[in-house]
Amino acid sequence: MRLAIHHRTTYRYARPVVLQPHRMILRPRGSHDITLLSSSLSCTPVADLEWTQDVFGNLIATGIFSQAAVELVITSEFMVEQSAVAWPVFRIAPEAHSFPFNYSSDDMAHLGALRIPEHGDPEGRMGVWARAFVRGASTDTLSLLKDLNAGILGSVAYRVRDEEGTQTPLETLALASGSCRDIAALFIEAVRHLGVGARAVSGYLFDAQQSVDDPGSTHAWAEVYLPGAGWIAFDPTHRRLGGANLIPVAVARSNRQIMPIVGGYIGEPGDFLAMDVAVRVRPVS
């Protein structure tokens, strides 16, 4: 399936402000089932773009602005070929079929912090909640992860949340609600409490069955590393497994590291008026 993505972010100010450098993670990651066919990134006012890669291999564009502005528009447009199947079969290494399992020394070294819970849990509530999905002393690893992926919505309801940032996993459990990034963060933290490597993913969702008028949107989900199969996509917001309908842009230990756009301005706090984001994902022939 060939998809065209249009992502426009507009910042408005009460008077001309000096724009500081803006860090943009908007170019999708290629993989065996995602091929980038074309890509463009533009800013108004015009910015000098400096491209780099971060420690996770994400492509970062830093925009340097030379003039003040009352409005900043950042537009990313690209086309990808998405070939992920709806019902994937994962060839997990035999030693990882049953949970708990041990990673090799090399995998342990490379996963590093991706196996360590990010947030404190002094009362052990997160660990207890995660281990409740373990059905016995030895259980099928993929079935356990599927149960966790599908079971989160039994404790947490999805809601649209416009506030910046991500709730901590314990906040999401206490509130019993969260956005896609909050739900993904809860899944990741639970997986790490089970000793399994996981990372956060940001990108786009295309689902023709979701809405006739708006089948595409920005989205956040998780990936879990299992020996043999590699990184497997888990989308607990939709109780889905595998990369179908997903277009990844960036991966990291946590969502805060892969915000699409991070930047600021020099001026008074009241100079900022509004930010608008428009995303369109559509199939093309």
C-alpha atoms as a PDB file:
ATOM      1  CA  MET A   1       0.000   0.000   0.000  1.00  0.00           C
ATOM      2  CA  ARG A   2       1.331   3.394  -0.991  1.00  0.00           C
ATOM      3  CA  LEU A   3       0.556   6.235   1.412  1.00  0.00           C
ATOM      4  CA  ALA A   4       1.006  10.002   1.171  1.00  0.00           C
ATOM      5  CA  ILE A   5       1.392  11.881   4.470  1.00  0.00           C
ATOM      6  CA  HIS A   6       0.957  15.630   4.922  1.00  0.00           C
ATOM      7  CA  HIS A   7       1.818  17.084   8.348  1.00  0.00           C
ATOM      8  CA  ARG A   8       1.583  20.836   8.958  1.00  0.00           C
ATOM      9  CA  THR A   9       2.240  22.588  12.273  1.00  0.00           C
ATOM     10  CA  THR A  10       1.474  26.291  12.646  1.00  0.00           C
ATOM     11  CA  TYR A  11       2.596  28.534  15.514  1.00  0.00           C
ATOM     12  CA  ARG A  12       1.048  32.015  15.860  1.00  0.00           C
ATOM     13  CA  TYR A  13       2.381  34.956  17.859  1.00  0.00           C
ATOM     14  CA  ALA A  14       0.941  38.321  18.897  1.00  0.00           C
ATOM     15  CA  ARG A  15       3.946  40.206  17.515  1.00  0.00           C
ATOM     16  CA  PRO A  16       7.164  39.359  15.669  1.00  0.00           C
ATOM     17  CA  VAL A  17       9.353  37.095  17.819  1.00  0.00           C
ATOM     18  CA  VAL A  18      12.868  35.760  17.397  1.00  0.00           C
ATOM     19  CA  LEU A  19      12.639  32.067  16.615  1.00  0.00           C
ATOM     20  CA  GLN A  20      15.156  29.846  18.349  1.00  0.00           C
ATOM     21  CA  PRO A  21      16.440  26.673  16.635  1.00  0.00           C
ATOM     22  CA  HIS A  22      13.704  24.070  16.193  1.00  0.00           C
ATOM     23  CA  ARG A  23      14.447  20.327  16.398  1.00  0.00           C
ATOM     24  CA  MET A  24      12.217  18.335  14.034  1.00  0.00           C
ATOM     25  CA  ILE A  25      11.767  14.550  13.849  1.00  0.00           C
ATOM     26  CA  LEU A  26       9.421  14.202  10.903  1.00  0.00           C
ATOM     27  CA  ARG A  27      11.148  11.969   8.345  1.00  0.00           C
ATOM     28  CA  PRO A  28      10.032   8.297   8.557  1.00  0.00           C
ATOM     29  CA  ARG A  29      12.347   5.393   9.311  1.00  0.00           C
ATOM     30  CA  GLY A  30      12.880   2.845   6.564  1.00  0.00           C
ATOM     31  CA  SER A  31      12.601  -0.875   7.311  1.00  0.00           C
ATOM     32  CA  HIS A  32      11.891  -4.190   5.600  1.00  0.00           C
ATOM     33  CA  ASP A  33       8.197  -3.242   5.342  1.00  0.00           C
ATOM     34  CA  ILE A  34       8.465   0.575   4.997  1.00  0.00           C
ATOM     35  CA  THR A  35      10.110   2.139   1.941  1.00  0.00           C
ATOM     36  CA  LEU A  36      10.457   5.917   1.767  1.00  0.00           C
ATOM     37  CA  LEU A  37       9.670   7.008  -1.805  1.00  0.00           C
ATOM     38  CA  SER A  38       9.851  10.802  -1.449  1.00  0.00           C
ATOM     39  CA  SER A  39      10.178  13.371   1.302  1.00  0.00           C
ATOM     40  CA  SER A  40      10.193  17.134   1.765  1.00  0.00           C
ATOM     41  CA  LEU A  41      10.413  19.451   4.755  1.00  0.00           C
ATOM     42  CA  SER A  42       9.860  23.205   4.566  1.00  0.00           C
ATOM     43  CA  CYS A  43       9.559  26.113   6.987  1.00  0.00           C
ATOM     44  CA  THR A  44       7.984  29.551   6.647  1.00  0.00           C
ATOM     45  CA  PRO A  45       9.882  31.758   7.325  1.00  0.00           C
ATOM     46  CA  VAL A  46      12.675  29.926   5.572  1.00  0.00           C
ATOM     47  CA  ALA A  47      15.122  28.051   7.799  1.00  0.00           C
ATOM     48  CA  ASP A  48      18.564  26.613   7.208  1.00  0.00           C
ATOM     49  CA  LEU A  49      18.162  22.882   7.862  1.00  0.00           C
ATOM     50  CA  GLU A  50      20.948  20.870   9.443  1.00  0.00           C
ATOM     51  CA  TRP A  51      20.474  17.076   9.307  1.00  0.00           C
ATOM     52  CA  THR A  52      21.892  14.689  11.892  1.00  0.00           C
ATOM     53  CA  GLN A  53      21.128  11.285  13.438  1.00  0.00           C
ATOM     54  CA  ASP A  54      20.604  10.725  17.136  1.00  0.00           C
ATOM     55  CA  VAL A  55      21.781   7.749  19.208  1.00  0.00           C
ATOM     56  CA  PHE A  56      18.711   5.754  18.124  1.00  0.00           C
ATOM     57  CA  GLY A  57      19.331   6.369  14.413  1.00  0.00           C
ATOM     58  CA  ASN A  58      16.431   8.815  14.029  1.00  0.00           C
ATOM     59  CA  LEU A  59      16.870  11.537  11.417  1.00  0.00           C
ATOM     60  CA  ILE A  60      16.844  14.965  13.041  1.00  0.00           C
ATOM     61  CA  ALA A  61      16.438  18.265  11.182  1.00  0.00           C
ATOM     62  CA  THR A  62      17.399  21.407  13.107  1.00  0.00           C
ATOM     63  CA  GLY A  63      15.930  24.590  11.642  1.00  0.00           C
ATOM     64  CA  ILE A  64      17.947  27.805  12.100  1.00  0.00           C
ATOM     65  CA  PHE A  65      15.943  31.001  11.491  1.00  0.00           C
ATOM     66  CA  SER A  66      17.384  34.374  10.535  1.00  0.00           C
ATOM     67  CA  GLN A  67      14.313  36.583  10.752  1.00  0.00           C
ATOM     68  CA  ALA A  68      11.585  37.377  13.244  1.00  0.00           C
ATOM     69  CA  ALA A  69       8.046  36.205  12.514  1.00  0.00           C
ATOM     70  CA  VAL A  70       4.459  36.435  13.716  1.00  0.00           C
ATOM     71  CA  GLU A  71       3.765  32.967  12.315  1.00  0.00           C
ATOM     72  CA  LEU A  72       5.848  29.820  11.886  1.00  0.00           C
ATOM     73  CA  VAL A  73       4.639  27.057   9.566  1.00  0.00           C
ATOM     74  CA  ILE A  74       6.473  23.714   9.388  1.00  0.00           C
ATOM     75  CA  THR A  75       5.298  21.373   6.647  1.00  0.00           C
ATOM     76  CA  SER A  76       6.410  17.777   6.169  1.00  0.00           C
ATOM     77  CA  GLU A  77       5.235  15.778   3.166  1.00  0.00           C
ATOM     78  CA  PHE A  78       6.341  12.298   2.197  1.00  0.00           C
ATOM     79  CA  MET A  79       5.270   9.126   0.466  1.00  0.00           C
ATOM     80  CA  VAL A  80       5.946   5.576   1.641  1.00  0.00           C
ATOM     81  CA  GLU A  81       5.295   2.040   0.496  1.00  0.00           C
ATOM     82  CA  GLN A  82       3.825   0.094   3.451  1.00  0.00           C
ATOM     83  CA  SER A  83       3.963  -3.687   3.012  1.00  0.00           C
ATOM     84  CA  ALA A  84       3.423  -5.024   6.553  1.00  0.00           C
ATOM     85  CA  VAL A  85       0.933  -7.891   6.644  1.00  0.00           C
ATOM     86  CA  ALA A  86      -2.173  -7.788   8.812  1.00  0.00           C
ATOM     87  CA  TRP A  87      -1.531 -11.180  10.463  1.00  0.00           C
ATOM     88  CA  PRO A  88       2.242 -11.569  10.871  1.00  0.00           C
ATOM     89  CA  VAL A  89       4.004 -14.755  11.960  1.00  0.00           C
ATOM     90  CA  PHE A  90       7.027 -14.162  14.185  1.00  0.00           C
ATOM     91  CA  ARG A  91       9.965 -16.596  14.206  1.00  0.00           C
ATOM     92  CA  ILE A  92      10.934 -16.280  17.833  1.00  0.00           C
ATOM     93  CA  ALA A  93      14.125 -18.073  18.874  1.00  0.00           C
ATOM     94  CA  PRO A  94      13.397 -21.326  20.767  1.00  0.00           C
ATOM     95  CA  GLU A  95      15.110 -20.084  23.932  1.00  0.00           C
ATOM     96  CA  ALA A  96      12.629 -17.169  24.119  1.00  0.00           C
ATOM     97  CA  HIS A  97       9.424 -19.146  23.494  1.00  0.00           C
ATOM     98  CA  SER A  98       8.674 -19.486  27.205  1.00  0.00           C
ATOM     99  CA  PHE A  99       8.605 -16.673  29.751  1.00  0.00           C
ATOM    100  CA  PRO A 100      10.741 -15.979  31.671  1.00  0.00           C
ATOM    101  CA  PHE A 101      13.719 -16.215  29.321  1.00  0.00           C
ATOM    102  CA  ASN A 102      17.262 -14.874  29.273  1.00  0.00           C
ATOM    103  CA  TYR A 103      18.720 -12.590  26.629  1.00  0.00           C
ATOM    104  CA  SER A 104      22.193 -13.313  25.334  1.00  0.00           C
ATOM    105  CA  SER A 105      25.019 -11.236  26.790  1.00  0.00           C
ATOM    106  CA  ASP A 106      25.233  -9.243  23.546  1.00  0.00           C
ATOM    107  CA  ASP A 107      21.485  -8.526  23.541  1.00  0.00           C
ATOM    108  CA  MET A 108      21.636  -7.526  27.212  1.00  0.00           C
ATOM    109  CA  ALA A 109      24.440  -5.055  26.486  1.00  0.00           C
ATOM    110  CA  HIS A 110      22.714  -3.506  23.474  1.00  0.00           C
ATOM    111  CA  LEU A 111      19.276  -3.272  25.085  1.00  0.00           C
ATOM    112  CA  GLY A 112      20.714  -1.599  28.187  1.00  0.00           C
ATOM    113  CA  ALA A 113      18.225   0.932  29.549  1.00  0.00           C
ATOM    114  CA  LEU A 114      15.492  -0.373  27.255  1.00  0.00           C
ATOM    115  CA  ARG A 115      15.017  -3.197  29.788  1.00  0.00           C
ATOM    116  CA  ILE A 116      14.977  -0.919  32.852  1.00  0.00           C
ATOM    117  CA  PRO A 117      11.738   0.736  34.054  1.00  0.00           C
ATOM    118  CA  GLU A 118      11.933   4.484  33.605  1.00  0.00           C
ATOM    119  CA  HIS A 119       9.847   5.580  36.585  1.00  0.00           C
ATOM    120  CA  GLY A 120      10.153   4.906  40.283  1.00  0.00           C
ATOM    121  CA  ASP A 121       7.751   2.410  41.853  1.00  0.00           C
ATOM    122  CA  PRO A 122       8.548   2.477  45.595  1.00  0.00           C
ATOM    123  CA  GLU A 123       5.368   0.620  46.573  1.00  0.00           C
ATOM    124  CA  GLY A 124       5.730  -1.968  43.805  1.00  0.00           C
ATOM    125  CA  ARG A 125       2.295  -1.231  42.298  1.00  0.00           C
ATOM    126  CA  MET A 126       3.501  -1.217  38.715  1.00  0.00           C
ATOM    127  CA  GLY A 127       5.316  -4.509  39.096  1.00  0.00           C
ATOM    128  CA  VAL A 128       2.298  -6.185  40.719  1.00  0.00           C
ATOM    129  CA  TRP A 129       0.006  -4.923  37.958  1.00  0.00           C
ATOM    130  CA  ALA A 130       2.350  -6.181  35.228  1.00  0.00           C
ATOM    131  CA  ARG A 131       2.904  -9.601  36.787  1.00  0.00           C
ATOM    132  CA  ALA A 132      -0.855 -10.151  37.037  1.00  0.00           C
ATOM    133  CA  PHE A 133      -0.777 -10.928  33.306  1.00  0.00           C
ATOM    134  CA  VAL A 134       1.628 -13.837  33.853  1.00  0.00           C
ATOM    135  CA  ARG A 135      -0.522 -16.991  33.893  1.00  0.00           C
ATOM    136  CA  GLY A 136       1.958 -19.416  35.421  1.00  0.00           C
ATOM    137  CA  ALA A 137       5.546 -20.268  36.283  1.00  0.00           C
ATOM    138  CA  SER A 138       6.229 -20.896  32.600  1.00  0.00           C
ATOM    139  CA  THR A 139       4.032 -19.351  29.943  1.00  0.00           C
ATOM    140  CA  ASP A 140       4.251 -18.608  26.229  1.00  0.00           C
ATOM    141  CA  THR A 141       6.132 -15.322  25.796  1.00  0.00           C
ATOM    142  CA  LEU A 142       4.203 -13.991  22.815  1.00  0.00           C
ATOM    143  CA  SER A 143       0.860 -14.946  24.393  1.00  0.00           C
ATOM    144  CA  LEU A 144       1.830 -13.051  27.541  1.00  0.00           C
ATOM    145  CA  LEU A 145       2.677  -9.935  25.545  1.00  0.00           C
ATOM    146  CA  LYS A 146      -0.544 -10.249  23.543  1.00  0.00           C
ATOM    147  CA  ASP A 147      -2.537 -10.502  26.768  1.00  0.00           C
ATOM    148  CA  LEU A 148      -0.862  -7.378  28.123  1.00  0.00           C
ATOM    149  CA  ASN A 149      -1.357  -5.537  24.825  1.00  0.00           C
ATOM    150  CA  ALA A 150      -5.058  -6.407  24.760  1.00  0.00           C
ATOM    151  CA  GLY A 151      -5.641  -6.126  28.501  1.00  0.00           C
ATOM    152  CA  ILE A 152      -4.552  -2.551  29.103  1.00  0.00           C
ATOM    153  CA  LEU A 153      -7.869  -1.193  27.839  1.00  0.00           C
ATOM    154  CA  GLY A 154      -9.529  -3.189  30.602  1.00  0.00           C
ATOM    155  CA  SER A 155      -7.879  -0.828  33.097  1.00  0.00           C
ATOM    156  CA  VAL A 156      -7.495   2.340  31.039  1.00  0.00           C
ATOM    157  CA  ALA A 157      -9.854   4.131  28.645  1.00  0.00           C
ATOM    158  CA  TYR A 158      -8.523   5.999  25.636  1.00  0.00           C
ATOM    159  CA  ARG A 159      -9.132   9.731  25.564  1.00  0.00           C
ATOM    160  CA  VAL A 160      -7.891  12.590  23.429  1.00  0.00           C
ATOM    161  CA  ARG A 161      -5.476  14.677  25.492  1.00  0.00           C
ATOM    162  CA  ASP A 162      -4.150  17.951  24.102  1.00  0.00           C
ATOM    163  CA  GLU A 163      -1.764  18.706  26.973  1.00  0.00           C
ATOM    164  CA  GLU A 164       1.927  18.294  26.196  1.00  0.00           C
ATOM    165  CA  GLY A 165       3.989  15.524  27.706  1.00  0.00           C
ATOM    166  CA  THR A 166       3.227  11.974  28.763  1.00  0.00           C
ATOM    167  CA  GLN A 167       1.579  10.811  31.971  1.00  0.00           C
ATOM    168  CA  THR A 168       3.614   8.476  34.145  1.00  0.00           C
ATOM    169  CA  PRO A 169       2.347   4.876  33.991  1.00  0.00           C
ATOM    170  CA  LEU A 170       1.088   5.052  37.585  1.00  0.00           C
ATOM    171  CA  GLU A 171      -0.779   8.289  36.766  1.00  0.00           C
ATOM    172  CA  THR A 172      -2.432   6.579  33.804  1.00  0.00           C
ATOM    173  CA  LEU A 173      -3.522   3.657  35.996  1.00  0.00           C
ATOM    174  CA  ALA A 174      -4.791   6.012  38.726  1.00  0.00           C
ATOM    175  CA  LEU A 175      -6.739   8.157  36.242  1.00  0.00           C
ATOM    176  CA  ALA A 176      -7.897   5.065  34.307  1.00  0.00           C
ATOM    177  CA  SER A 177      -7.537   7.038  31.084  1.00  0.00           C
ATOM    178  CA  GLY A 178      -4.891   8.372  28.722  1.00  0.00           C
ATOM    179  CA  SER A 179      -3.896   9.256  25.204  1.00  0.00           C
ATOM    180  CA  CYS A 180      -2.170   6.851  22.833  1.00  0.00           C
ATOM    181  CA  ARG A 181       1.242   7.969  24.112  1.00  0.00           C
ATOM    182  CA  ASP A 182       0.130   7.434  27.732  1.00  0.00           C
ATOM    183  CA  ILE A 183      -1.198   3.953  26.965  1.00  0.00           C
ATOM    184  CA  ALA A 184       1.957   3.035  25.032  1.00  0.00           C
ATOM    185  CA  ALA A 185       4.122   4.282  27.931  1.00  0.00           C
ATOM    186  CA  LEU A 186       2.139   2.117  30.358  1.00  0.00           C
ATOM    187  CA  PHE A 187       2.641  -0.939  28.147  1.00  0.00           C
ATOM    188  CA  ILE A 188       6.383  -0.255  27.832  1.00  0.00           C
ATOM    189  CA  GLU A 189       6.832   0.174  31.577  1.00  0.00           C
ATOM    190  CA  ALA A 190       4.935  -3.043  32.287  1.00  0.00           C
ATOM    191  CA  VAL A 191       7.024  -4.993  29.764  1.00  0.00           C
ATOM    192  CA  ARG A 192      10.230  -3.686  31.343  1.00  0.00           C
ATOM    193  CA  HIS A 193       9.008  -4.711  34.791  1.00  0.00           C
ATOM    194  CA  LEU A 194       8.867  -8.222  33.315  1.00  0.00           C
ATOM    195  CA  GLY A 195      12.527  -7.908  32.270  1.00  0.00           C
ATOM    196  CA  VAL A 196      11.831  -7.606  28.542  1.00  0.00           C
ATOM    197  CA  GLY A 197      13.285  -4.889  26.282  1.00  0.00           C
ATOM    198  CA  ALA A 198      10.858  -2.327  24.885  1.00  0.00           C
ATOM    199  CA  ARG A 199      11.033   1.074  23.219  1.00  0.00           C
ATOM    200  CA  ALA A 200       8.658   3.927  22.344  1.00  0.00           C
ATOM    201  CA  VAL A 201       7.668   4.645  18.746  1.00  0.00           C
ATOM    202  CA  SER A 202       6.115   7.764  17.241  1.00  0.00           C
ATOM    203  CA  GLY A 203       4.692   8.096  13.776  1.00  0.00           C
ATOM    204  CA  TYR A 204       1.411   7.885  11.921  1.00  0.00           C
ATOM    205  CA  LEU A 205      -1.598   5.600  11.812  1.00  0.00           C
ATOM    206  CA  PHE A 206      -3.613   4.846   8.687  1.00  0.00           C
ATOM    207  CA  ASP A 207      -6.795   2.866   9.147  1.00  0.00           C
ATOM    208  CA  ALA A 208      -9.393   3.008   6.391  1.00  0.00           C
ATOM    209  CA  GLN A 209     -11.935   1.451   8.774  1.00  0.00           C
ATOM    210  CA  GLN A 210     -11.348   4.059  11.470  1.00  0.00           C
ATOM    211  CA  SER A 211     -13.077   6.966   9.754  1.00  0.00           C
ATOM    212  CA  VAL A 212     -14.207   7.708   6.249  1.00  0.00           C
ATOM    213  CA  ASP A 213     -13.370  11.403   6.625  1.00  0.00           C
ATOM    214  CA  ASP A 214     -10.124  11.119   8.615  1.00  0.00           C
ATOM    215  CA  PRO A 215      -8.454   7.698   8.320  1.00  0.00           C
ATOM    216  CA  GLY A 216      -5.002   9.006   9.330  1.00  0.00           C
ATOM    217  CA  SER A 217      -3.426  10.652  12.364  1.00  0.00           C
ATOM    218  CA  THR A 218      -0.257  10.971  14.398  1.00  0.00           C
ATOM    219  CA  HIS A 219       0.154   8.027  16.737  1.00  0.00           C
ATOM    220  CA  ALA A 220       2.334   6.467  19.439  1.00  0.00           C
ATOM    221  CA  TRP A 221       2.901   2.768  20.087  1.00  0.00           C
ATOM    222  CA  ALA A 222       5.584   0.380  21.352  1.00  0.00           C
ATOM    223  CA  GLU A 223       8.061  -2.185  20.079  1.00  0.00           C
ATOM    224  CA  VAL A 224       9.299  -5.201  22.040  1.00  0.00           C
ATOM    225  CA  TYR A 225      12.543  -7.031  21.291  1.00  0.00           C
ATOM    226  CA  LEU A 226      12.323 -10.836  21.134  1.00  0.00           C
ATOM    227  CA  PRO A 227      15.334 -12.915  20.016  1.00  0.00           C
ATOM    228  CA  GLY A 228      14.901 -14.279  16.514  1.00  0.00           C
ATOM    229  CA  ALA A 229      11.921 -12.088  15.655  1.00  0.00           C
ATOM    230  CA  GLY A 230      13.621  -8.772  16.477  1.00  0.00           C
ATOM    231  CA  TRP A 231      11.532  -5.677  17.190  1.00  0.00           C
ATOM    232  CA  ILE A 232       7.782  -6.398  17.171  1.00  0.00           C
ATOM    233  CA  ALA A 233       5.198  -3.586  17.070  1.00  0.00           C
ATOM    234  CA  PHE A 234       2.514  -3.590  19.766  1.00  0.00           C
ATOM    235  CA  ASP A 235      -0.294  -1.015  19.619  1.00  0.00           C
ATOM    236  CA  PRO A 236      -2.183  -1.279  22.932  1.00  0.00           C
ATOM    237  CA  THR A 237      -4.452   1.652  22.040  1.00  0.00           C
ATOM    238  CA  HIS A 238      -6.037  -0.512  19.329  1.00  0.00           C
ATOM    239  CA  ARG A 239      -5.140  -3.965  20.727  1.00  0.00           C
ATOM    240  CA  ARG A 240      -3.133  -4.695  17.580  1.00  0.00           C
ATOM    241  CA  LEU A 241       0.057  -6.592  16.903  1.00  0.00           C
ATOM    242  CA  GLY A 242       2.474  -5.982  14.014  1.00  0.00           C
ATOM    243  CA  GLY A 243       3.255  -3.022  11.789  1.00  0.00           C
ATOM    244  CA  ALA A 244       0.193  -2.996   9.516  1.00  0.00           C
ATOM    245  CA  ASN A 245      -1.402   0.485   9.380  1.00  0.00           C
ATOM    246  CA  LEU A 246       1.631   2.032  11.147  1.00  0.00           C
ATOM    247  CA  ILE A 247       4.261   4.373   9.685  1.00  0.00           C
ATOM    248  CA  PRO A 248       7.117   4.769  12.204  1.00  0.00           C
ATOM    249  CA  VAL A 249       9.075   8.022  12.285  1.00  0.00           C
ATOM    250  CA  ALA A 250      11.226   7.668  15.416  1.00  0.00           C
ATOM    251  CA  VAL A 251      12.100   5.287  18.250  1.00  0.00           C
ATOM    252  CA  ALA A 252      13.580   6.008  21.676  1.00  0.00           C
ATOM    253  CA  ARG A 253      13.526   4.938  25.292  1.00  0.00           C
ATOM    254  CA  SER A 254      10.577   7.261  26.003  1.00  0.00           C
ATOM    255  CA  ASN A 255       8.094   9.487  24.195  1.00  0.00           C
ATOM    256  CA  ARG A 256       9.678  12.708  25.465  1.00  0.00           C
ATOM    257  CA  GLN A 257      12.783  11.991  23.351  1.00  0.00           C
ATOM    258  CA  ILE A 258      10.871  11.827  20.067  1.00  0.00           C
ATOM    259  CA  MET A 259       8.495  14.777  20.085  1.00  0.00           C
ATOM    260  CA  PRO A 260       7.907  15.732  16.419  1.00  0.00           C
ATOM    261  CA  ILE A 261       8.892  19.380  16.937  1.00  0.00           C
ATOM    262  CA  VAL A 262      10.734  21.023  19.828  1.00  0.00           C
ATOM    263  CA  GLY A 263      11.643  24.702  19.760  1.00  0.00           C
ATOM    264  CA  GLY A 264      11.068  28.084  21.297  1.00  0.00           C
ATOM    265  CA  TYR A 265      11.176  31.826  20.790  1.00  0.00           C
ATOM    266  CA  ILE A 266      12.608  34.911  22.438  1.00  0.00           C
ATOM    267  CA  GLY A 267       9.845  37.165  23.683  1.00  0.00           C
ATOM    268  CA  GLU A 268       7.189  37.506  26.355  1.00  0.00           C
ATOM    269  CA  PRO A 269       5.077  34.514  27.465  1.00  0.00           C
ATOM    270  CA  GLY A 270       1.968  36.296  26.244  1.00  0.00           C
ATOM    271  CA  ASP A 271       3.386  36.589  22.725  1.00  0.00           C
ATOM    272  CA  PHE A 272       2.418  32.978  21.999  1.00  0.00           C
ATOM    273  CA  LEU A 273      -1.175  32.762  20.746  1.00  0.00           C
ATOM    274  CA  ALA A 274      -1.813  29.270  19.430  1.00  0.00           C
ATOM    275  CA  MET A 275      -0.509  26.123  17.800  1.00  0.00           C
ATOM    276  CA  ASP A 276      -2.458  24.159  15.200  1.00  0.00           C
ATOM    277  CA  VAL A 277      -1.570  20.716  13.824  1.00  0.00           C
ATOM    278  CA  ALA A 278      -3.102  19.273  10.654  1.00  0.00           C
ATOM    279  CA  VAL A 279      -2.323  15.722   9.549  1.00  0.00           C
ATOM    280  CA  ARG A 280      -3.594  13.901   6.478  1.00  0.00           C
ATOM    281  CA  VAL A 281      -2.730  10.326   5.574  1.00  0.00           C
ATOM    282  CA  ARG A 282      -4.198   8.979   2.333  1.00  0.00           C
ATOM    283  CA  PRO A 283      -3.632   6.053  -0.005  1.00  0.00           C
ATOM    284  CA  VAL A 284      -2.362   6.805  -3.504  1.00  0.00           C
ATOM    285  CA  SER A 285      -2.225   4.665  -6.595  1.00  0.00           C
END
